[in-house]
Protein backbone atom coordinates (compact mmCIF):
# COMPACT_ATOMS: atom_id res chain seq x y z
CA UNK A 1 -0.16 0.00 0.15
CA UNK A 2 1.39 3.56 -0.57
CA UNK A 3 0.63 6.68 1.08
CA UNK A 4 -1.83 7.81 -1.68
CA UNK A 5 -3.84 4.54 -1.33
CA UNK A 6 -3.64 4.89 2.36
CA UNK A 7 -5.23 8.72 2.17
CA UNK A 8 -7.70 7.35 -0.30
CA UNK A 9 -8.74 4.85 2.31
CA UNK A 10 -9.29 7.10 4.78
CA UNK A 11 -11.70 8.97 2.70
CA UNK A 12 -9.72 12.21 2.25
CA UNK A 13 -9.72 14.36 -0.84
CA UNK A 14 -6.27 15.78 -1.75
CA UNK A 15 -5.76 18.98 -3.67
CA UNK A 16 -3.32 18.55 -6.49
CA UNK A 17 -0.46 20.36 -4.31
CA UNK A 18 -1.24 18.14 -1.49
CA UNK A 19 -0.83 15.02 -3.32
CA UNK A 20 2.19 16.17 -5.59
CA UNK A 21 3.99 16.87 -2.19
CA UNK A 22 3.18 13.17 -0.69
CA UNK A 23 4.35 11.55 -3.87
CA UNK A 24 7.42 13.80 -4.07
CA UNK A 25 8.21 12.53 -0.36
CA UNK A 26 7.88 9.20 -0.96
CA UNK A 27 9.49 9.24 -4.55
CA UNK A 28 6.21 7.91 -6.33
CA UNK A 29 5.52 8.82 -9.83
CA UNK A 30 4.03 12.07 -10.59
CA UNK A 31 1.02 11.21 -13.06
CA UNK A 32 0.02 14.19 -14.53
CA UNK A 33 1.77 17.45 -16.14
CA UNK A 34 0.03 19.73 -13.43
CA UNK A 35 1.84 17.52 -10.58
CA UNK A 36 5.33 18.14 -12.87
CA UNK A 37 4.49 21.77 -12.91
CA UNK A 38 3.96 21.98 -9.28
CA UNK A 39 6.99 20.30 -8.17
CA UNK A 40 9.18 22.25 -10.53
CA UNK A 41 7.45 25.47 -9.31
CA UNK A 42 8.04 24.86 -5.47
CA UNK A 43 11.73 23.41 -6.10
CA UNK A 44 13.24 25.78 -8.45
CA UNK A 45 13.00 23.45 -11.43
CA UNK A 46 14.77 20.69 -9.38
CA UNK A 47 14.84 17.53 -11.18
CA UNK A 48 12.40 14.80 -10.01
CA UNK A 49 13.64 11.67 -8.30
CA UNK A 50 11.41 9.15 -9.03
CA UNK A 51 11.96 6.06 -6.37
CA UNK A 52 13.87 8.37 -3.86
CA UNK A 53 12.22 8.36 -0.61
CA UNK A 54 13.14 11.84 1.16
CA UNK A 55 14.41 11.20 4.70
CA UNK A 56 13.70 14.68 5.88
CA UNK A 57 10.98 17.27 4.53
CA UNK A 58 10.40 20.72 5.52
CA UNK A 59 6.85 21.93 4.55
CA UNK A 60 6.42 25.78 4.54
CA UNK A 61 2.64 26.16 3.92
CA UNK A 62 -0.15 28.98 4.29
CA UNK A 63 -3.07 28.86 6.70
CA UNK A 64 -5.64 26.29 5.68
CA UNK A 65 -3.35 24.45 3.67
CA UNK A 66 -3.98 20.99 5.12
CA UNK A 67 -0.44 20.70 6.43
CA UNK A 68 -1.63 18.64 9.57
CA UNK A 69 -4.87 17.04 8.35
CA UNK A 70 -3.51 16.00 4.63
CA UNK A 71 0.22 15.75 5.04
CA UNK A 72 1.58 15.49 8.61
CA UNK A 73 -1.34 13.34 10.07
CA UNK A 74 -1.64 10.85 7.28
CA UNK A 75 2.14 10.40 7.20
CA UNK A 76 2.53 9.55 10.66
CA UNK A 77 -0.52 7.02 10.98
CA UNK A 78 0.79 5.44 7.71
CA UNK A 79 4.27 4.74 8.83
CA UNK A 80 3.14 3.76 12.45
CA UNK A 81 0.79 1.35 10.99
CA UNK A 82 2.67 -0.20 7.73
CA UNK A 83 6.43 1.14 8.06
CA UNK A 84 9.13 -1.44 7.68
CA UNK A 85 11.13 -1.00 10.56
CA UNK A 86 13.00 -3.92 12.29
CA UNK A 87 13.36 -3.93 15.76
CA UNK A 88 15.19 -5.87 18.70
CA UNK A 89 13.39 -7.71 21.23
CA UNK A 90 12.00 -5.74 23.83
CA UNK A 91 12.65 -2.50 22.11
CA UNK A 92 9.52 -0.06 21.43
CA UNK A 93 9.36 2.18 18.35
CA UNK A 94 8.13 5.71 19.17
CA UNK A 95 6.55 7.98 16.56
CA UNK A 96 6.73 11.69 18.04
CA UNK A 97 4.72 14.59 17.33
CA UNK A 98 6.53 17.72 18.60
CA UNK A 99 5.11 20.94 18.91
CA UNK A 100 5.91 24.35 21.15
CA UNK A 101 3.92 22.67 23.95
CA UNK A 102 1.62 19.98 24.65
CA UNK A 103 -1.32 21.90 23.59
CA UNK A 104 0.06 22.58 20.62
CA UNK A 105 0.06 19.05 19.49
CA UNK A 106 -3.49 18.44 19.86
CA UNK A 107 -4.45 19.84 16.27
CA UNK A 108 -2.05 17.08 14.45
CA UNK A 109 -2.53 14.27 17.09
CA UNK A 110 -6.26 14.82 17.03
CA UNK A 111 -6.38 13.92 13.02
CA UNK A 112 -3.88 10.82 13.77
CA UNK A 113 -6.28 9.40 16.34
CA UNK A 114 -9.42 10.12 14.16
CA UNK A 115 -8.11 8.49 11.29
CA UNK A 116 -6.91 5.53 13.12
CA UNK A 117 -10.52 5.10 14.60
CA UNK A 118 -12.30 5.96 11.71
CA UNK A 119 -13.21 2.74 10.43
CA UNK A 120 -13.45 -0.85 12.32
CA UNK A 121 -10.52 -2.31 10.73
CA UNK A 122 -8.09 0.41 11.65
CA UNK A 123 -9.76 0.86 15.09
CA UNK A 124 -8.73 -2.74 15.58
CA UNK A 125 -5.08 -1.68 15.30
CA UNK A 126 -5.40 0.64 18.38
CA UNK A 127 -4.30 -1.20 21.53
CA UNK A 128 -4.58 1.73 24.19
CA UNK A 129 -5.79 5.54 24.07
CA UNK A 130 -4.66 8.13 26.18
CA UNK A 131 -4.78 11.77 26.17
CA UNK A 132 -1.37 12.19 24.28
CA UNK A 133 -0.52 8.77 23.32
CA UNK A 134 -1.76 5.92 21.18
CA UNK A 135 -0.33 2.42 21.74
CA UNK A 136 -0.92 0.14 18.56
CA UNK A 137 -1.29 -3.65 18.69
CA UNK A 138 1.82 -3.85 16.58
CA UNK A 139 3.71 -2.53 19.69
CA UNK A 140 4.39 1.06 18.21
CA UNK A 141 3.22 4.24 20.17
CA UNK A 142 2.71 7.67 18.75
CA UNK A 143 3.44 10.23 21.49
CA UNK A 144 3.19 13.91 21.99
CA UNK A 145 6.17 15.77 23.15
CA UNK A 146 6.74 19.75 23.98
CA UNK A 147 9.92 21.18 22.16
CA UNK A 148 12.27 20.36 24.94
CA UNK A 149 15.44 18.02 23.87
CA UNK A 150 15.43 16.10 27.19
CA UNK A 151 11.74 14.83 26.47
CA UNK A 152 13.19 13.31 23.08
CA UNK A 153 16.22 11.10 24.46
CA UNK A 154 16.32 7.40 24.73
CA UNK A 155 13.70 6.66 22.00
CA UNK A 156 13.88 4.80 19.19
CA UNK A 157 12.22 7.27 16.41
CA UNK A 158 11.89 5.86 12.93
CA UNK A 159 9.57 8.43 11.83
CA UNK A 160 8.83 11.94 13.75
CA UNK A 161 7.12 15.05 13.19
CA UNK A 162 8.02 18.79 14.10
CA UNK A 163 4.96 21.16 13.82
CA UNK A 164 5.13 24.86 13.89
CA UNK A 165 9.09 24.57 13.73
CA UNK A 166 9.46 28.26 13.78
CA UNK A 167 7.98 28.59 17.38
CA UNK A 168 10.34 26.42 19.18
CA UNK A 169 12.38 29.49 19.81
CA UNK A 170 9.95 31.18 21.49
CA UNK A 171 8.69 28.23 23.76
CA UNK A 172 11.80 26.46 24.46
CA UNK A 173 15.63 27.36 24.98
CA UNK A 174 17.16 29.99 22.45
CA UNK A 175 18.32 26.89 20.34
CA UNK A 176 15.43 24.29 21.16
CA UNK A 177 14.69 24.08 17.12
CA UNK A 178 18.18 22.97 16.51
CA UNK A 179 18.52 20.90 19.67
CA UNK A 180 15.31 18.94 19.06
CA UNK A 181 16.14 18.36 15.58
CA UNK A 182 19.52 16.75 16.91
CA UNK A 183 17.74 14.69 19.62
CA UNK A 184 15.11 13.26 16.67
CA UNK A 185 18.25 12.35 14.51
CA UNK A 186 19.97 10.58 17.00
CA UNK A 187 16.77 8.36 17.60
CA UNK A 188 16.74 7.82 14.13
CA UNK A 189 20.29 6.62 13.49
CA UNK A 190 19.74 2.63 13.77
CA UNK A 191 16.97 2.64 10.92
CA UNK A 192 17.90 2.50 7.30
CA UNK A 193 14.88 4.61 6.19
CA UNK A 194 13.39 7.40 8.33
CA UNK A 195 10.95 9.97 7.63
CA UNK A 196 11.11 13.45 9.45
CA UNK A 197 8.68 15.97 8.93
CA UNK A 198 9.00 19.66 9.42
CA UNK A 199 6.25 21.86 9.11
CA UNK A 200 5.98 25.65 9.65
CA UNK A 201 3.32 28.09 8.68
CA UNK A 202 4.36 30.39 5.64
CA UNK A 203 3.65 33.73 8.02
CA UNK A 204 6.09 32.59 10.94
CA UNK A 205 8.71 31.22 8.70
CA UNK A 206 9.41 34.13 6.56
CA UNK A 207 6.79 36.84 7.45
CA UNK A 208 4.70 36.41 4.05
CA UNK A 209 1.31 36.59 4.87
CA UNK A 210 -2.15 35.43 3.78
CA UNK A 211 -5.87 36.84 3.39
CA UNK A 212 -6.83 39.19 6.16
CA UNK A 213 -3.32 38.62 7.94
CA UNK A 214 -0.06 40.90 7.70
CA UNK A 215 2.81 41.17 9.81
CA UNK A 216 2.59 43.43 12.87
CA UNK A 217 6.27 44.30 12.77
CA UNK A 218 9.18 42.63 10.43
CA UNK A 219 12.10 41.06 11.99
CA UNK A 220 14.76 43.87 11.05
CA UNK A 221 12.65 46.66 12.99
CA UNK A 222 12.65 44.73 16.01
CA UNK A 223 16.53 43.86 15.68
CA UNK A 224 17.14 47.51 14.81
CA UNK A 225 15.72 48.48 18.13
CA UNK A 226 17.39 45.98 20.39
CA UNK A 227 20.80 47.18 22.33
CA UNK A 228 22.83 44.34 21.68
CA UNK A 229 24.29 42.86 25.17
CA UNK A 230 22.18 45.31 27.43
CA UNK A 231 20.09 43.06 29.30
CA UNK A 232 18.86 45.75 32.03
CA UNK A 233 19.34 49.30 32.71
CA UNK A 234 19.54 50.56 36.44
CA UNK A 235 17.50 53.36 37.86
CA UNK A 236 18.62 56.72 37.34
CA UNK A 237 17.79 60.02 39.20
CA UNK A 238 15.51 62.49 37.78
CA UNK A 239 13.87 59.75 35.47
CA UNK A 240 10.06 58.95 35.59
CA UNK A 241 9.63 55.38 35.13
CA UNK A 242 6.39 53.32 33.98
CA UNK A 243 5.44 49.75 34.44
CA UNK A 244 3.41 47.34 32.56
CA UNK A 245 2.30 43.82 33.51
CA UNK A 246 0.87 40.70 31.72
CA UNK A 247 -0.40 38.89 34.85
CA UNK A 248 -1.20 34.94 34.64
CA UNK A 249 -2.47 32.98 37.10
CA UNK A 250 -0.78 29.65 35.76
CA UNK A 251 -0.65 27.28 32.64
CA UNK A 252 1.76 27.86 30.08
CA UNK A 253 1.52 31.77 30.12
CA UNK A 254 4.38 33.55 32.15
CA UNK A 255 3.53 36.36 34.65
CA UNK A 256 5.61 39.01 33.02
CA UNK A 257 6.34 42.76 33.79
CA UNK A 258 8.44 45.56 32.07
CA UNK A 259 9.59 48.93 33.45
CA UNK A 260 10.32 51.70 30.68
CA UNK A 261 10.98 55.49 30.42
CA UNK A 262 10.87 58.14 27.84
CA UNK A 263 14.05 60.23 26.92
CA UNK A 264 13.50 63.95 25.82
CA UNK A 265 13.32 63.32 22.42
CA UNK A 266 10.37 61.18 22.73
CA UNK A 267 12.42 57.64 22.38
CA UNK A 268 10.96 54.95 24.69
CA UNK A 269 13.68 52.96 26.55
CA UNK A 270 12.99 49.58 27.97
CA UNK A 271 14.80 49.12 31.18
CA UNK A 272 13.70 46.13 32.61
CA UNK A 273 11.97 42.84 31.53
CA UNK A 274 11.15 39.66 33.39
CA UNK A 275 8.78 37.14 33.31
CA UNK A 276 7.99 34.03 35.65
CA UNK A 277 6.83 30.68 34.53
CA UNK A 278 4.73 27.72 35.49
CA UNK A 279 5.93 26.38 39.23
CA UNK A 280 6.35 30.00 40.64
CA UNK A 281 4.95 31.00 43.99
CA UNK A 282 2.56 33.63 42.77
CA UNK A 283 2.74 35.43 46.24
CA UNK A 284 6.51 35.73 46.29
CA UNK A 285 6.36 36.80 42.53
CA UNK A 286 4.20 39.76 43.37
CA UNK A 287 6.56 40.77 46.43
CA UNK A 288 9.39 40.48 44.13
CA UNK A 289 8.09 42.79 41.46
CA UNK A 290 6.88 45.19 44.29
CA UNK A 291 10.27 45.32 45.35
CA UNK A 292 11.72 46.01 41.94
CA UNK A 293 9.07 48.86 41.40
CA UNK A 294 10.18 50.45 44.62
CA UNK A 295 13.90 50.45 42.98
CA UNK A 296 12.36 52.51 40.10
CA UNK A 297 10.30 55.15 42.48
CA UNK A 298 7.14 53.52 41.02
CA UNK A 299 4.06 52.86 43.08
CA UNK A 300 1.65 51.69 40.18
CA UNK A 301 1.77 49.35 37.37
CA UNK A 302 -0.87 48.89 34.74
CA UNK A 303 -2.55 45.74 33.30
CA UNK A 304 -5.35 44.71 31.46
CA UNK A 305 -9.05 44.77 32.83
CA UNK A 306 -8.88 40.90 33.22
CA UNK A 307 -6.53 40.89 35.77
CA UNK A 308 -7.43 38.73 38.69
CA UNK A 309 -8.46 40.21 41.79
CA UNK A 310 -6.19 38.33 43.80
CA UNK A 311 -3.54 39.86 41.68
CA UNK A 312 -4.70 43.35 42.72
CA UNK A 313 -5.10 42.44 46.18
CA UNK A 314 -1.60 40.92 46.39
CA UNK A 315 -0.10 44.38 44.93
CA UNK A 316 -2.22 46.21 47.39
CA UNK A 317 -0.70 44.35 50.35
CA UNK A 318 2.68 45.69 48.88
CA UNK A 319 1.30 49.19 48.68
CA UNK A 320 1.45 48.87 44.77
CA UNK A 321 -1.34 49.76 42.94
CA UNK A 322 -2.51 47.44 40.07
CA UNK A 323 -4.56 50.04 37.38
CA UNK A 324 -6.19 48.96 34.26
CA UNK A 325 -4.59 50.42 31.38
CA UNK A 326 -5.91 53.31 29.73
CA UNK A 327 -5.58 55.98 26.73
CA UNK A 328 -5.28 59.80 27.46
CA UNK A 329 -9.06 60.01 26.57
CA UNK A 330 -9.88 57.65 29.39
CA UNK A 331 -11.15 54.80 27.40
CA UNK A 332 -10.00 51.27 28.33
CA UNK A 333 -6.91 50.26 26.47
CA UNK A 334 -7.04 46.36 25.67
CA UNK A 335 -3.99 44.51 24.17
CA UNK A 336 -4.61 44.72 20.75
CA UNK A 337 -4.89 48.73 20.90
CA UNK A 338 -1.62 48.76 23.00
CA UNK A 339 0.12 47.16 19.95
CA UNK A 340 -1.62 49.67 17.57
CA UNK A 341 -0.36 52.38 19.80
CA UNK A 342 3.04 51.04 19.89
CA UNK A 343 3.90 50.37 16.22
CA UNK A 344 4.64 53.83 15.46
CA UNK A 345 7.76 53.62 17.64
CA UNK A 346 9.18 50.92 15.98
CA UNK A 347 8.42 52.16 12.38
CA UNK A 348 9.88 55.55 13.12
CA UNK A 349 12.96 54.05 15.51
CA UNK A 350 11.83 55.52 18.47
CA UNK A 351 12.10 52.55 20.67
CA UNK A 352 15.06 50.73 22.59
CA UNK A 353 14.69 47.28 23.60
CA UNK A 354 16.86 45.03 26.05
CA UNK A 355 18.57 42.11 24.69
CA UNK A 356 16.24 39.63 25.69
CA UNK A 357 15.49 36.38 23.95
CA UNK A 358 11.54 36.91 24.32
CA UNK A 359 11.84 39.97 22.21
CA UNK A 360 11.12 37.64 19.34
CA UNK A 361 7.30 37.53 20.42
CA UNK A 362 7.25 40.91 18.88
CA UNK A 363 8.01 39.28 15.21
CA UNK A 364 5.24 36.69 15.66
CA UNK A 365 2.47 38.98 16.15
CA UNK A 366 -0.37 39.16 13.77
CA UNK A 367 -2.38 41.88 12.24
CA UNK A 368 -5.53 41.41 11.15
CA UNK A 369 -7.92 43.71 9.38
CA UNK A 370 -11.44 43.78 10.66
CA UNK A 371 -14.64 45.50 9.49
CA UNK A 372 -14.84 49.17 9.89
CA UNK A 373 -11.08 49.67 9.37
CA UNK A 374 -10.20 48.44 12.53
CA UNK A 375 -7.18 46.64 13.25
CA UNK A 376 -6.65 43.60 15.75
CA UNK A 377 -3.05 42.36 16.92
CA UNK A 378 -2.65 39.33 18.39
CA UNK A 379 -0.40 36.31 19.05
CA UNK A 380 -0.79 33.59 16.33
CA UNK A 381 -2.78 30.49 17.20
CA UNK A 382 -0.63 28.50 19.98
CA UNK A 383 1.82 31.21 20.19
CA UNK A 384 2.60 33.32 23.09
CA UNK A 385 3.16 37.28 23.52
CA UNK A 386 3.34 37.50 27.41
CA UNK A 387 6.62 39.39 27.16
CA UNK A 388 5.67 41.73 24.45
CA UNK A 389 2.39 42.53 26.37
CA UNK A 390 3.56 43.91 29.19
CA UNK A 391 6.12 45.79 27.18
CA UNK A 392 3.57 47.44 25.08
CA UNK A 393 1.63 48.48 28.23
CA UNK A 394 4.76 50.20 29.74
CA UNK A 395 5.57 51.80 26.24
CA UNK A 396 1.97 53.47 25.80
CA UNK A 397 2.30 54.79 29.26
CA UNK A 398 5.47 56.62 27.99
CA UNK A 399 3.81 57.88 24.87
CA UNK A 400 0.64 58.94 26.91
CA UNK A 401 2.83 60.98 29.25
CA UNK A 402 4.50 62.78 26.23
CA UNK A 403 1.28 63.68 24.65
CA UNK A 404 0.21 64.76 28.04
CA UNK A 405 3.16 67.16 28.16
CA UNK A 406 2.57 68.91 24.75
CA UNK A 407 -1.26 69.44 25.89
CA UNK A 408 0.20 71.25 28.88
CA UNK A 409 2.61 73.27 26.92
CA UNK A 410 -0.16 74.33 24.83
CA UNK A 411 0.39 72.22 21.61
CA UNK A 412 3.43 71.20 19.65
CA UNK A 413 4.23 68.44 17.28
CA UNK A 414 4.00 65.05 18.72
CA UNK A 415 5.28 62.80 15.64
CA UNK A 416 4.75 59.60 17.52
CA UNK A 417 0.97 60.09 17.90
CA UNK A 418 0.81 61.80 14.41
CA UNK A 419 2.05 58.59 12.65
CA UNK A 420 -0.48 56.51 14.52
CA UNK A 421 -3.01 58.85 13.49
CA UNK A 422 -1.92 58.60 9.62
CA UNK A 423 -1.82 54.93 9.94
CA UNK A 424 -5.59 54.66 11.23
CA UNK A 425 -6.35 57.18 8.07
CA UNK A 426 -4.58 54.92 5.79
CA UNK A 427 -6.39 51.71 7.06
CA UNK A 428 -9.60 53.51 6.76
CA UNK A 429 -8.86 54.65 2.98
CA UNK A 430 -7.89 51.19 2.12
CA UNK A 431 -11.04 49.77 3.53
CA UNK A 432 -13.26 52.52 1.44
CA UNK A 433 -11.54 51.89 -1.81
CA UNK A 434 -11.61 48.07 -1.23
CA UNK A 435 -15.37 48.47 -0.88
CA UNK A 436 -15.66 50.72 -3.85
CA UNK A 437 -13.61 48.59 -6.33
CA UNK A 438 -14.56 45.43 -4.92
CA UNK A 439 -10.82 44.30 -4.90
CA UNK A 440 -7.81 44.87 -3.24
CA UNK A 441 -6.41 48.38 -4.47
CA UNK A 442 -2.89 49.09 -5.80
CA UNK A 443 -0.51 51.06 -3.84
CA UNK A 444 -0.86 53.81 -6.47
CA UNK A 445 -4.70 53.80 -6.28
CA UNK A 446 -4.49 54.29 -2.69
CA UNK A 447 -1.84 57.09 -2.81
CA UNK A 448 -4.13 58.73 -5.35
CA UNK A 449 -7.14 58.62 -2.79
CA UNK A 450 -5.13 59.98 0.17
CA UNK A 451 -3.97 62.88 -1.90
CA UNK A 452 -7.35 63.81 -3.14
CA UNK A 453 -8.66 63.60 0.30
CA UNK A 454 -5.73 65.94 1.46
CA UNK A 455 -6.72 68.48 -1.46
CA UNK A 456 -10.23 68.45 -0.44
CA UNK A 457 -9.27 69.10 3.17
CA UNK A 458 -10.93 65.57 4.19
CA UNK A 459 -7.83 64.62 6.11
CA UNK A 460 -4.77 66.55 6.89
């Protein structure tokens, strides 16, 4: 049985691109001109090697491309059931599904489990079923793992899958993507034929986006903002500091906080960024944060409106007020709005970040266009933004204080807030043009529309 026959047996319908990819991985013949053209397009006209099975395949795919349901899931199920892997007496073969955390493995694992229980014939091959493990009657196990190298050691692995590989550095160590692949390959060393499938969404891999999705910030903007080898700045006399927090009560999220200040030229400078993961004593965490805030002469810290009451009370016992973040006009500042307010800082080079491994969270943030010309900025599904979130809340306070200073002085030019306003005007113009043209407007059409609006005095 081939992988294509197995997929048909599962009742799955493949797109031309999906079938071409599966055939290429296993070296099956390409049976149509369309398949041959697709292979040439995706590989830069590399000659097709019929009969050659690839030991490693990296899949860069867009949203809703079927990378889990039509590629990774079927391959893992097929290899666990029918792969020809000789074993020593007492040896158990493990087929790992690895993602940035156990929660993120559920998508692919869910497909595998549904495929292996879809018919009475296949269900008879399942010996035991657990939340993160399937044991088959042939003695093989399909297991879920987080992206930590120790979790992968000492297993015999003929076939494995690394899902959303681009996120591994954000959830594990700085080199967890490299370490996991090395650990996986060590487990494969005893097998003549192995299969390693590495999958990453196209938007995380190379910042190319689809549909209503766009990059919040490109990696270069963030890298340019980082002060290399500066991990923390000591408090200075005569400087007013601001603090933001992203409070977590547990789970995979971290309890983070950030302290920042603004320079006279309007540049926002990050002075401190810390976080506390699972297993930390939350009362002790609040005590430590409060002590640090006092070093920076700060008696308040801002978070979103959903901060738990116990967090508010814990800070109050330490003589620190946890406030709900608000804009200068008094409106509640949700996390997406905080990111929107911070975007001009990065675009104009008016922010200086600490050298911290979690700064990469800024790069993975997604910007979604919403009805009415609104913009929503969030972390990708399965991702985290705990450190970026607390930074944004501290940065917004710095820009709000700057705006307040200009009002007190009776006007003046605030380039950061003006840039934010210009971005909102541009988004609204894009929405209007899209509705009028019933298609995506070109850059030239958008600029012409904005210039006409300026001449008519609609925008300044």
